[in-house]
N, C-alpha and C. Protein backbone atom coordinates (compact mmCIF):
# COMPACT_ATOMS: atom_id res chain seq x y z
N ARG A 1 29.86 44.12 -51.50
CA ARG A 1 30.01 44.40 -52.91
C ARG A 1 28.97 43.58 -53.66
N GLN A 2 28.34 44.18 -54.61
CA GLN A 2 27.32 43.52 -55.41
C GLN A 2 27.88 43.23 -56.80
N VAL A 3 27.61 42.02 -57.27
CA VAL A 3 28.04 41.62 -58.61
C VAL A 3 26.81 41.16 -59.37
N ILE A 4 26.65 41.66 -60.58
CA ILE A 4 25.54 41.25 -61.44
C ILE A 4 26.13 40.44 -62.58
N VAL A 5 25.58 39.24 -62.76
CA VAL A 5 26.08 38.33 -63.79
C VAL A 5 24.95 38.05 -64.77
N PHE A 6 25.21 38.25 -66.04
CA PHE A 6 24.29 37.86 -67.10
C PHE A 6 24.93 36.66 -67.81
N THR A 7 24.18 35.58 -67.94
CA THR A 7 24.76 34.41 -68.59
C THR A 7 23.68 33.58 -69.29
N HIS A 8 24.10 32.89 -70.31
CA HIS A 8 23.25 31.89 -70.94
C HIS A 8 23.87 30.50 -70.74
N ARG A 9 25.01 30.46 -70.07
CA ARG A 9 25.73 29.19 -69.85
C ARG A 9 25.17 28.48 -68.62
N LEU A 10 24.63 27.29 -68.83
CA LEU A 10 24.08 26.51 -67.73
C LEU A 10 25.14 26.12 -66.72
N SER A 11 26.38 25.89 -67.17
CA SER A 11 27.43 25.51 -66.24
C SER A 11 27.74 26.65 -65.27
N LEU A 12 27.75 27.88 -65.75
CA LEU A 12 27.99 29.02 -64.87
C LEU A 12 26.81 29.20 -63.91
N LEU A 13 25.61 29.08 -64.41
CA LEU A 13 24.44 29.18 -63.54
C LEU A 13 24.50 28.10 -62.47
N GLY A 14 24.85 26.88 -62.86
CA GLY A 14 24.99 25.80 -61.89
C GLY A 14 26.01 26.11 -60.82
N HIS A 15 27.11 26.71 -61.23
CA HIS A 15 28.15 27.09 -60.27
C HIS A 15 27.64 28.16 -59.30
N LEU A 16 26.94 29.15 -59.81
CA LEU A 16 26.38 30.20 -58.95
C LEU A 16 25.35 29.65 -57.98
N ILE A 17 24.51 28.75 -58.47
CA ILE A 17 23.51 28.12 -57.60
C ILE A 17 24.21 27.30 -56.52
N GLU A 18 25.28 26.61 -56.90
CA GLU A 18 26.04 25.80 -55.96
C GLU A 18 26.58 26.65 -54.81
N LYS A 19 27.03 27.84 -55.13
CA LYS A 19 27.56 28.74 -54.10
C LYS A 19 26.45 29.23 -53.17
N GLY A 20 25.23 29.33 -53.69
CA GLY A 20 24.06 29.56 -52.86
C GLY A 20 23.86 30.95 -52.31
N ASN A 21 24.68 31.90 -52.61
CA ASN A 21 24.52 33.23 -52.04
C ASN A 21 24.20 34.24 -53.15
N ALA A 22 23.08 34.02 -53.81
CA ALA A 22 22.74 34.88 -54.93
C ALA A 22 21.24 34.92 -55.13
N GLU A 23 20.79 35.98 -55.72
CA GLU A 23 19.40 36.07 -56.18
C GLU A 23 19.43 35.87 -57.69
N TYR A 24 18.36 35.24 -58.21
CA TYR A 24 18.34 34.92 -59.63
C TYR A 24 17.15 35.57 -60.28
N ARG A 25 17.35 36.07 -61.45
CA ARG A 25 16.28 36.61 -62.28
C ARG A 25 16.43 36.00 -63.65
N HIS A 26 15.31 35.80 -64.28
CA HIS A 26 15.32 35.22 -65.62
C HIS A 26 14.81 36.28 -66.59
N ILE A 27 15.53 36.47 -67.67
CA ILE A 27 15.11 37.39 -68.72
C ILE A 27 14.85 36.55 -69.95
N ARG A 28 13.65 36.63 -70.45
CA ARG A 28 13.28 35.76 -71.57
C ARG A 28 13.08 36.57 -72.85
N ARG A 29 13.04 35.83 -73.93
CA ARG A 29 12.81 36.39 -75.25
C ARG A 29 11.31 36.35 -75.55
N GLU A 30 10.81 37.42 -76.05
CA GLU A 30 9.41 37.51 -76.48
C GLU A 30 9.40 37.81 -77.98
N PRO A 31 8.24 37.71 -78.63
CA PRO A 31 8.20 38.02 -80.07
C PRO A 31 8.69 39.43 -80.41
N TRP A 32 8.52 40.36 -79.47
CA TRP A 32 8.95 41.73 -79.72
C TRP A 32 10.44 41.93 -79.47
N GLY A 33 11.10 40.97 -78.84
CA GLY A 33 12.52 41.08 -78.55
C GLY A 33 12.86 40.49 -77.20
N CYS A 34 14.07 40.75 -76.72
CA CYS A 34 14.53 40.21 -75.44
C CYS A 34 14.35 41.23 -74.33
N GLY A 35 14.30 40.74 -73.13
CA GLY A 35 14.31 41.64 -71.99
C GLY A 35 13.12 41.52 -71.07
N GLU A 36 12.21 40.60 -71.32
CA GLU A 36 11.04 40.46 -70.46
C GLU A 36 11.42 39.66 -69.21
N HIS A 37 11.21 40.25 -68.06
CA HIS A 37 11.49 39.58 -66.78
C HIS A 37 10.43 38.52 -66.54
N SER A 38 10.84 37.36 -66.08
CA SER A 38 9.86 36.30 -65.84
C SER A 38 10.31 35.42 -64.68
N GLU A 39 9.46 34.47 -64.37
CA GLU A 39 9.76 33.49 -63.35
C GLU A 39 10.98 32.69 -63.78
N LEU A 40 11.76 32.25 -62.80
CA LEU A 40 12.91 31.41 -63.12
C LEU A 40 12.47 30.14 -63.83
N PRO A 41 13.22 29.70 -64.80
CA PRO A 41 12.89 28.42 -65.43
C PRO A 41 13.14 27.29 -64.43
N ILE A 42 12.53 26.15 -64.67
CA ILE A 42 12.61 25.07 -63.69
C ILE A 42 14.04 24.62 -63.43
N PHE A 43 14.93 24.72 -64.40
CA PHE A 43 16.29 24.27 -64.18
C PHE A 43 17.05 25.15 -63.19
N ALA A 44 16.54 26.35 -62.93
CA ALA A 44 17.22 27.27 -62.02
C ALA A 44 16.65 27.22 -60.61
N LYS A 45 15.56 26.51 -60.40
CA LYS A 45 14.95 26.41 -59.07
C LYS A 45 15.45 25.15 -58.38
N LYS A 46 15.32 25.13 -57.06
CA LYS A 46 15.56 23.88 -56.35
C LYS A 46 14.50 22.90 -56.83
N PRO A 47 14.89 21.68 -57.15
CA PRO A 47 13.95 20.77 -57.80
C PRO A 47 12.67 20.49 -57.01
N ILE A 48 12.77 20.33 -55.71
CA ILE A 48 11.56 20.00 -54.96
C ILE A 48 10.63 21.20 -54.91
N ASN A 49 11.17 22.42 -54.89
CA ASN A 49 10.33 23.61 -54.95
C ASN A 49 9.65 23.73 -56.30
N ALA A 50 10.36 23.35 -57.34
CA ALA A 50 9.76 23.37 -58.68
C ALA A 50 8.64 22.34 -58.79
N VAL A 51 8.81 21.17 -58.17
CA VAL A 51 7.74 20.16 -58.16
C VAL A 51 6.52 20.72 -57.43
N LYS A 52 6.75 21.40 -56.31
CA LYS A 52 5.64 22.01 -55.57
C LYS A 52 4.93 23.05 -56.43
N ASP A 53 5.69 23.83 -57.19
CA ASP A 53 5.08 24.81 -58.10
C ASP A 53 4.24 24.11 -59.17
N LEU A 54 4.76 23.00 -59.69
CA LEU A 54 3.98 22.25 -60.68
C LEU A 54 2.65 21.81 -60.09
N ARG A 55 2.70 21.27 -58.88
CA ARG A 55 1.48 20.76 -58.24
C ARG A 55 0.53 21.89 -57.86
N ASN A 56 1.07 22.94 -57.29
CA ASN A 56 0.20 23.98 -56.71
C ASN A 56 -0.30 25.01 -57.71
N SER A 57 0.45 25.27 -58.77
CA SER A 57 -0.02 26.29 -59.71
C SER A 57 -0.29 25.73 -61.11
N LYS A 58 0.67 25.06 -61.70
CA LYS A 58 0.47 24.60 -63.07
C LYS A 58 -0.58 23.51 -63.18
N LEU A 59 -0.62 22.60 -62.21
CA LEU A 59 -1.64 21.55 -62.23
C LEU A 59 -3.02 22.15 -62.00
N SER A 60 -3.10 23.15 -61.14
CA SER A 60 -4.39 23.83 -60.92
C SER A 60 -4.89 24.46 -62.22
N ALA A 61 -3.99 25.10 -62.95
CA ALA A 61 -4.36 25.72 -64.23
C ALA A 61 -4.78 24.66 -65.24
N ALA A 62 -4.09 23.53 -65.26
CA ALA A 62 -4.44 22.46 -66.20
C ALA A 62 -5.80 21.86 -65.84
N ARG A 63 -6.04 21.66 -64.55
CA ARG A 63 -7.32 21.12 -64.10
C ARG A 63 -8.47 22.07 -64.49
N LYS A 64 -8.23 23.36 -64.31
CA LYS A 64 -9.24 24.36 -64.66
C LYS A 64 -9.51 24.35 -66.17
N ALA A 65 -8.45 24.21 -66.96
CA ALA A 65 -8.61 24.16 -68.42
C ALA A 65 -9.43 22.94 -68.82
N LEU A 66 -9.20 21.82 -68.17
CA LEU A 66 -9.95 20.60 -68.46
C LEU A 66 -11.43 20.79 -68.13
N GLU A 67 -11.70 21.37 -66.98
CA GLU A 67 -13.09 21.57 -66.55
C GLU A 67 -13.83 22.59 -67.42
N GLN A 68 -13.14 23.65 -67.81
CA GLN A 68 -13.80 24.72 -68.55
C GLN A 68 -13.82 24.51 -70.06
N ASP A 69 -12.70 24.01 -70.60
CA ASP A 69 -12.55 23.96 -72.06
C ASP A 69 -12.39 22.55 -72.63
N GLY A 70 -12.21 21.56 -71.77
CA GLY A 70 -12.11 20.19 -72.25
C GLY A 70 -10.69 19.71 -72.46
N TYR A 71 -10.61 18.50 -73.00
CA TYR A 71 -9.34 17.79 -73.13
C TYR A 71 -8.34 18.50 -74.04
N ASP A 72 -8.82 19.12 -75.11
CA ASP A 72 -7.89 19.78 -76.05
C ASP A 72 -7.12 20.91 -75.38
N SER A 73 -7.73 21.58 -74.42
CA SER A 73 -7.03 22.63 -73.67
C SER A 73 -6.15 22.04 -72.58
N TYR A 74 -6.60 20.94 -72.01
CA TYR A 74 -5.86 20.29 -70.92
C TYR A 74 -4.58 19.62 -71.43
N TYR A 75 -4.66 18.99 -72.59
CA TYR A 75 -3.56 18.17 -73.09
C TYR A 75 -2.20 18.88 -73.10
N PRO A 76 -2.06 20.05 -73.73
CA PRO A 76 -0.71 20.65 -73.77
C PRO A 76 -0.20 21.06 -72.38
N LEU A 77 -1.11 21.49 -71.51
CA LEU A 77 -0.70 21.88 -70.16
C LEU A 77 -0.23 20.66 -69.37
N ALA A 78 -1.00 19.58 -69.44
CA ALA A 78 -0.64 18.36 -68.72
C ALA A 78 0.63 17.73 -69.29
N LYS A 79 0.78 17.77 -70.61
CA LYS A 79 1.99 17.22 -71.22
C LYS A 79 3.21 17.99 -70.77
N ALA A 80 3.09 19.30 -70.65
CA ALA A 80 4.19 20.13 -70.17
C ALA A 80 4.52 19.79 -68.71
N ILE A 81 3.50 19.56 -67.90
CA ILE A 81 3.74 19.17 -66.51
C ILE A 81 4.48 17.85 -66.46
N CYS A 82 4.04 16.89 -67.25
CA CYS A 82 4.70 15.58 -67.28
C CYS A 82 6.16 15.70 -67.71
N SER A 83 6.41 16.49 -68.73
CA SER A 83 7.76 16.69 -69.23
C SER A 83 8.63 17.38 -68.18
N ASP A 84 8.11 18.45 -67.58
CA ASP A 84 8.86 19.16 -66.55
C ASP A 84 9.13 18.26 -65.35
N PHE A 85 8.15 17.46 -64.98
CA PHE A 85 8.32 16.55 -63.85
C PHE A 85 9.43 15.54 -64.13
N ARG A 86 9.48 15.04 -65.33
CA ARG A 86 10.54 14.08 -65.70
C ARG A 86 11.92 14.72 -65.58
N ILE A 87 12.04 15.95 -66.04
CA ILE A 87 13.31 16.69 -65.94
C ILE A 87 13.66 16.92 -64.47
N LEU A 88 12.66 17.27 -63.69
CA LEU A 88 12.89 17.52 -62.26
C LEU A 88 13.28 16.25 -61.52
N LEU A 89 12.74 15.12 -61.94
CA LEU A 89 13.15 13.85 -61.32
C LEU A 89 14.65 13.61 -61.51
N GLU A 90 15.15 13.95 -62.68
CA GLU A 90 16.59 13.81 -62.92
C GLU A 90 17.38 14.70 -61.97
N ARG A 91 16.90 15.91 -61.78
CA ARG A 91 17.58 16.84 -60.88
C ARG A 91 17.45 16.41 -59.43
N ILE A 92 16.33 15.78 -59.07
CA ILE A 92 16.17 15.26 -57.71
C ILE A 92 17.19 14.14 -57.47
N VAL A 93 17.44 13.33 -58.48
CA VAL A 93 18.46 12.30 -58.34
C VAL A 93 19.82 12.96 -58.08
N GLU A 94 20.16 13.98 -58.84
CA GLU A 94 21.44 14.67 -58.66
C GLU A 94 21.54 15.36 -57.31
N ASN A 95 20.56 16.20 -57.00
CA ASN A 95 20.66 17.07 -55.83
C ASN A 95 20.31 16.40 -54.52
N GLU A 96 19.33 15.53 -54.54
CA GLU A 96 18.85 14.94 -53.29
C GLU A 96 19.40 13.53 -53.09
N LEU A 97 19.07 12.64 -54.00
CA LEU A 97 19.47 11.24 -53.84
C LEU A 97 21.00 11.11 -53.81
N LEU A 98 21.67 11.76 -54.74
CA LEU A 98 23.13 11.68 -54.82
C LEU A 98 23.83 12.81 -54.08
N ALA A 99 23.05 13.59 -53.29
CA ALA A 99 23.59 14.62 -52.38
C ALA A 99 24.50 15.62 -53.09
N ASP A 100 24.23 15.88 -54.36
CA ASP A 100 25.01 16.85 -55.12
C ASP A 100 26.48 16.46 -55.25
N VAL A 101 26.77 15.17 -55.12
CA VAL A 101 28.14 14.70 -55.30
C VAL A 101 28.53 14.85 -56.76
N VAL A 102 27.62 14.51 -57.65
CA VAL A 102 27.84 14.71 -59.08
C VAL A 102 26.68 15.51 -59.64
N ALA A 103 26.95 16.30 -60.66
CA ALA A 103 25.90 17.09 -61.30
C ALA A 103 26.32 17.39 -62.73
N ARG A 104 25.32 17.43 -63.61
CA ARG A 104 25.67 17.79 -64.99
C ARG A 104 26.03 19.26 -65.03
N HIS A 105 26.74 19.63 -66.03
CA HIS A 105 27.26 20.99 -66.23
C HIS A 105 28.26 21.37 -65.15
N ARG A 106 28.82 20.38 -64.49
CA ARG A 106 29.86 20.66 -63.49
C ARG A 106 30.95 19.62 -63.66
N ARG A 107 32.16 20.07 -63.77
CA ARG A 107 33.27 19.15 -64.00
C ARG A 107 33.66 18.38 -62.74
N ALA A 108 33.59 19.03 -61.60
CA ALA A 108 34.07 18.43 -60.36
C ALA A 108 33.08 17.40 -59.80
N VAL A 109 33.64 16.41 -59.12
CA VAL A 109 32.87 15.48 -58.31
C VAL A 109 33.15 15.90 -56.88
N ASN A 110 32.12 16.37 -56.19
CA ASN A 110 32.30 16.93 -54.85
C ASN A 110 31.91 15.91 -53.79
N THR A 111 32.92 15.34 -53.15
CA THR A 111 32.66 14.34 -52.13
C THR A 111 32.83 14.88 -50.71
N LYS A 112 33.57 15.95 -50.56
CA LYS A 112 33.90 16.46 -49.23
C LYS A 112 32.62 16.86 -48.47
N GLY A 113 32.40 16.21 -47.36
CA GLY A 113 31.24 16.50 -46.53
C GLY A 113 29.92 15.99 -47.09
N LYS A 114 29.97 15.23 -48.19
CA LYS A 114 28.75 14.78 -48.84
C LYS A 114 28.67 13.28 -49.03
N ILE A 115 29.80 12.64 -49.20
CA ILE A 115 29.80 11.23 -49.61
C ILE A 115 29.07 10.33 -48.60
N HIS A 116 29.12 10.67 -47.32
CA HIS A 116 28.45 9.85 -46.31
C HIS A 116 26.93 9.87 -46.48
N LYS A 117 26.42 10.90 -47.13
CA LYS A 117 24.96 11.01 -47.34
C LYS A 117 24.44 9.93 -48.29
N LEU A 118 25.32 9.38 -49.10
CA LEU A 118 24.90 8.34 -50.03
C LEU A 118 24.48 7.06 -49.30
N ALA A 119 24.96 6.89 -48.07
CA ALA A 119 24.64 5.68 -47.30
C ALA A 119 23.17 5.62 -46.91
N LYS A 120 22.46 6.72 -46.98
CA LYS A 120 21.05 6.72 -46.58
C LYS A 120 20.13 6.23 -47.69
N ILE A 121 20.64 6.03 -48.88
CA ILE A 121 19.82 5.58 -50.00
C ILE A 121 19.40 4.13 -49.78
N THR A 122 18.11 3.87 -49.92
CA THR A 122 17.58 2.51 -49.76
C THR A 122 17.12 1.97 -51.11
N THR A 123 16.87 0.68 -51.15
CA THR A 123 16.33 0.06 -52.35
C THR A 123 14.97 0.66 -52.68
N GLU A 124 14.18 0.98 -51.66
CA GLU A 124 12.86 1.57 -51.89
C GLU A 124 12.97 2.94 -52.56
N ASP A 125 13.99 3.72 -52.16
CA ASP A 125 14.22 5.01 -52.82
C ASP A 125 14.49 4.81 -54.31
N CYS A 126 15.36 3.87 -54.60
CA CYS A 126 15.72 3.59 -56.00
C CYS A 126 14.51 3.09 -56.79
N ASP A 127 13.72 2.23 -56.16
CA ASP A 127 12.53 1.70 -56.83
C ASP A 127 11.53 2.81 -57.15
N LEU A 128 11.34 3.71 -56.20
CA LEU A 128 10.41 4.83 -56.42
C LEU A 128 10.88 5.71 -57.58
N ILE A 129 12.15 6.08 -57.56
CA ILE A 129 12.69 6.92 -58.63
C ILE A 129 12.60 6.19 -59.97
N ASP A 130 12.97 4.92 -60.00
CA ASP A 130 12.87 4.13 -61.23
C ASP A 130 11.44 4.11 -61.76
N GLN A 131 10.49 3.88 -60.86
CA GLN A 131 9.09 3.82 -61.26
C GLN A 131 8.62 5.15 -61.86
N LEU A 132 8.90 6.25 -61.17
CA LEU A 132 8.46 7.55 -61.66
C LEU A 132 9.19 7.94 -62.94
N MET A 133 10.48 7.64 -63.01
CA MET A 133 11.23 7.95 -64.24
C MET A 133 10.64 7.18 -65.41
N GLY A 134 10.30 5.93 -65.19
CA GLY A 134 9.68 5.13 -66.25
C GLY A 134 8.30 5.65 -66.63
N ASP A 135 7.50 5.97 -65.61
CA ASP A 135 6.14 6.45 -65.87
C ASP A 135 6.13 7.75 -66.66
N PHE A 136 7.11 8.62 -66.42
CA PHE A 136 7.09 9.93 -67.04
C PHE A 136 8.10 10.10 -68.17
N SER A 137 8.85 9.07 -68.51
CA SER A 137 9.81 9.20 -69.60
C SER A 137 9.11 9.29 -70.96
N ASP A 138 7.91 8.74 -71.04
CA ASP A 138 7.17 8.78 -72.31
C ASP A 138 6.94 10.21 -72.80
N TYR A 139 6.86 11.15 -71.89
CA TYR A 139 6.53 12.52 -72.26
C TYR A 139 7.75 13.32 -72.66
N GLU A 140 8.93 12.78 -72.45
CA GLU A 140 10.16 13.44 -72.82
C GLU A 140 10.75 12.87 -74.10
N HIS A 141 10.17 11.77 -74.59
CA HIS A 141 10.72 11.10 -75.76
C HIS A 141 9.62 10.93 -76.81
N SER A 142 10.04 10.88 -78.05
CA SER A 142 9.09 10.66 -79.15
C SER A 142 8.36 9.34 -78.97
N GLN A 143 7.09 9.35 -79.33
CA GLN A 143 6.28 8.15 -79.23
C GLN A 143 5.77 7.76 -80.61
N SER A 144 5.56 6.49 -80.78
CA SER A 144 5.01 5.99 -82.03
C SER A 144 3.56 6.43 -82.15
N SER A 145 3.16 6.83 -83.33
CA SER A 145 1.76 7.21 -83.54
C SER A 145 0.84 5.99 -83.49
N GLU A 146 1.44 4.80 -83.60
CA GLU A 146 0.66 3.56 -83.55
C GLU A 146 0.25 3.20 -82.13
N SER A 147 1.00 3.68 -81.16
CA SER A 147 0.65 3.39 -79.76
C SER A 147 0.87 4.65 -78.92
N PRO A 148 -0.03 5.62 -79.07
CA PRO A 148 0.14 6.88 -78.35
C PRO A 148 0.02 6.68 -76.84
N VAL A 149 0.68 7.55 -76.11
CA VAL A 149 0.67 7.51 -74.65
C VAL A 149 -0.38 8.51 -74.16
N ASP A 150 -1.29 8.04 -73.34
CA ASP A 150 -2.31 8.93 -72.80
C ASP A 150 -1.72 9.82 -71.72
N ILE A 151 -2.21 11.04 -71.69
CA ILE A 151 -1.81 11.99 -70.65
C ILE A 151 -2.57 11.63 -69.38
N PRO A 152 -1.89 11.63 -68.23
CA PRO A 152 -2.58 11.29 -66.99
C PRO A 152 -3.66 12.32 -66.63
N GLU A 153 -4.66 11.84 -65.94
CA GLU A 153 -5.71 12.72 -65.42
C GLU A 153 -5.11 13.60 -64.33
N PRO A 154 -5.77 14.72 -64.02
CA PRO A 154 -5.24 15.63 -62.98
C PRO A 154 -4.98 14.94 -61.64
N ASP A 155 -5.87 14.04 -61.22
CA ASP A 155 -5.66 13.38 -59.92
C ASP A 155 -4.44 12.47 -59.95
N GLU A 156 -4.17 11.83 -61.08
CA GLU A 156 -2.98 10.99 -61.21
C GLU A 156 -1.71 11.84 -61.13
N LEU A 157 -1.73 12.99 -61.80
CA LEU A 157 -0.58 13.89 -61.74
C LEU A 157 -0.39 14.40 -60.31
N HIS A 158 -1.48 14.79 -59.67
CA HIS A 158 -1.40 15.27 -58.29
C HIS A 158 -0.78 14.21 -57.39
N ASP A 159 -1.22 12.96 -57.55
CA ASP A 159 -0.71 11.87 -56.72
C ASP A 159 0.79 11.66 -56.94
N ALA A 160 1.24 11.70 -58.18
CA ALA A 160 2.66 11.49 -58.47
C ALA A 160 3.51 12.63 -57.92
N LEU A 161 3.04 13.86 -58.12
CA LEU A 161 3.78 15.02 -57.61
C LEU A 161 3.82 14.99 -56.08
N THR A 162 2.70 14.66 -55.45
CA THR A 162 2.65 14.58 -53.99
C THR A 162 3.54 13.45 -53.48
N LEU A 163 3.58 12.36 -54.19
CA LEU A 163 4.41 11.22 -53.79
C LEU A 163 5.88 11.62 -53.69
N ILE A 164 6.39 12.34 -54.67
CA ILE A 164 7.81 12.72 -54.63
C ILE A 164 8.05 13.79 -53.58
N ILE A 165 7.08 14.67 -53.34
CA ILE A 165 7.22 15.68 -52.29
C ILE A 165 7.28 15.00 -50.92
N GLU A 166 6.40 14.05 -50.69
CA GLU A 166 6.39 13.33 -49.42
C GLU A 166 7.65 12.48 -49.26
N TRP A 167 8.09 11.86 -50.35
CA TRP A 167 9.34 11.10 -50.30
C TRP A 167 10.49 12.02 -49.90
N HIS A 168 10.53 13.20 -50.49
CA HIS A 168 11.61 14.15 -50.19
C HIS A 168 11.61 14.54 -48.72
N GLU A 169 10.44 14.77 -48.15
CA GLU A 169 10.37 15.13 -46.73
C GLU A 169 10.94 14.01 -45.87
N ALA A 170 10.55 12.77 -46.15
CA ALA A 170 11.05 11.63 -45.38
C ALA A 170 12.55 11.42 -45.60
N PHE A 171 12.98 11.57 -46.84
CA PHE A 171 14.39 11.39 -47.18
C PHE A 171 15.25 12.45 -46.50
N SER A 172 14.75 13.68 -46.47
CA SER A 172 15.49 14.77 -45.81
C SER A 172 15.64 14.51 -44.32
N LYS A 173 14.61 13.96 -43.70
CA LYS A 173 14.70 13.62 -42.27
C LYS A 173 15.77 12.56 -42.03
N ARG A 174 15.85 11.59 -42.93
CA ARG A 174 16.91 10.57 -42.82
C ARG A 174 18.28 11.21 -42.94
N ARG A 175 18.40 12.18 -43.81
CA ARG A 175 19.68 12.86 -44.02
C ARG A 175 20.08 13.60 -42.75
N GLU A 176 19.10 14.25 -42.10
CA GLU A 176 19.39 14.99 -40.87
C GLU A 176 19.81 14.07 -39.73
N GLU A 177 19.33 12.84 -39.75
CA GLU A 177 19.63 11.89 -38.68
C GLU A 177 21.06 11.36 -38.79
N MET A 178 21.67 11.52 -39.93
CA MET A 178 23.04 10.96 -40.11
C MET A 178 24.08 11.89 -39.52
């Protein structure tokens, strides 16, 4: 039996994603009206896959804009990458580091079959997440015009995105060993 669900509620989407047996489509609003099919927004993707998309497609587009059109074209693209990355780091904490035991937009705390996964968290994991959250929080919050925050160069963004991808691979292997 096939069920089609249309929703704007993040909690319902989170529940459907949690169940894991569904295909997702995103319908966005355009100036002409609603109904344009598009790529899933980052909140609907698995966070590490969304980070890979940022690195492999959006960062490439930002780098190209910098090379062809200069900093003014690069700035909004890079700022969006930084902002999205910061949001994804929060989701990585929920889904990976905390093994989906707790999640926003979900009332339940799910410990069954998951709580033992928390034992694999190391101080180094926490330090890495803290460092990246601090480095990229500037792009999610208002900044003083007296001390503006510079947007990272493409290579810096690539390194940060690659760092969390590589961390995830190593962390996942630790999870499998438990």
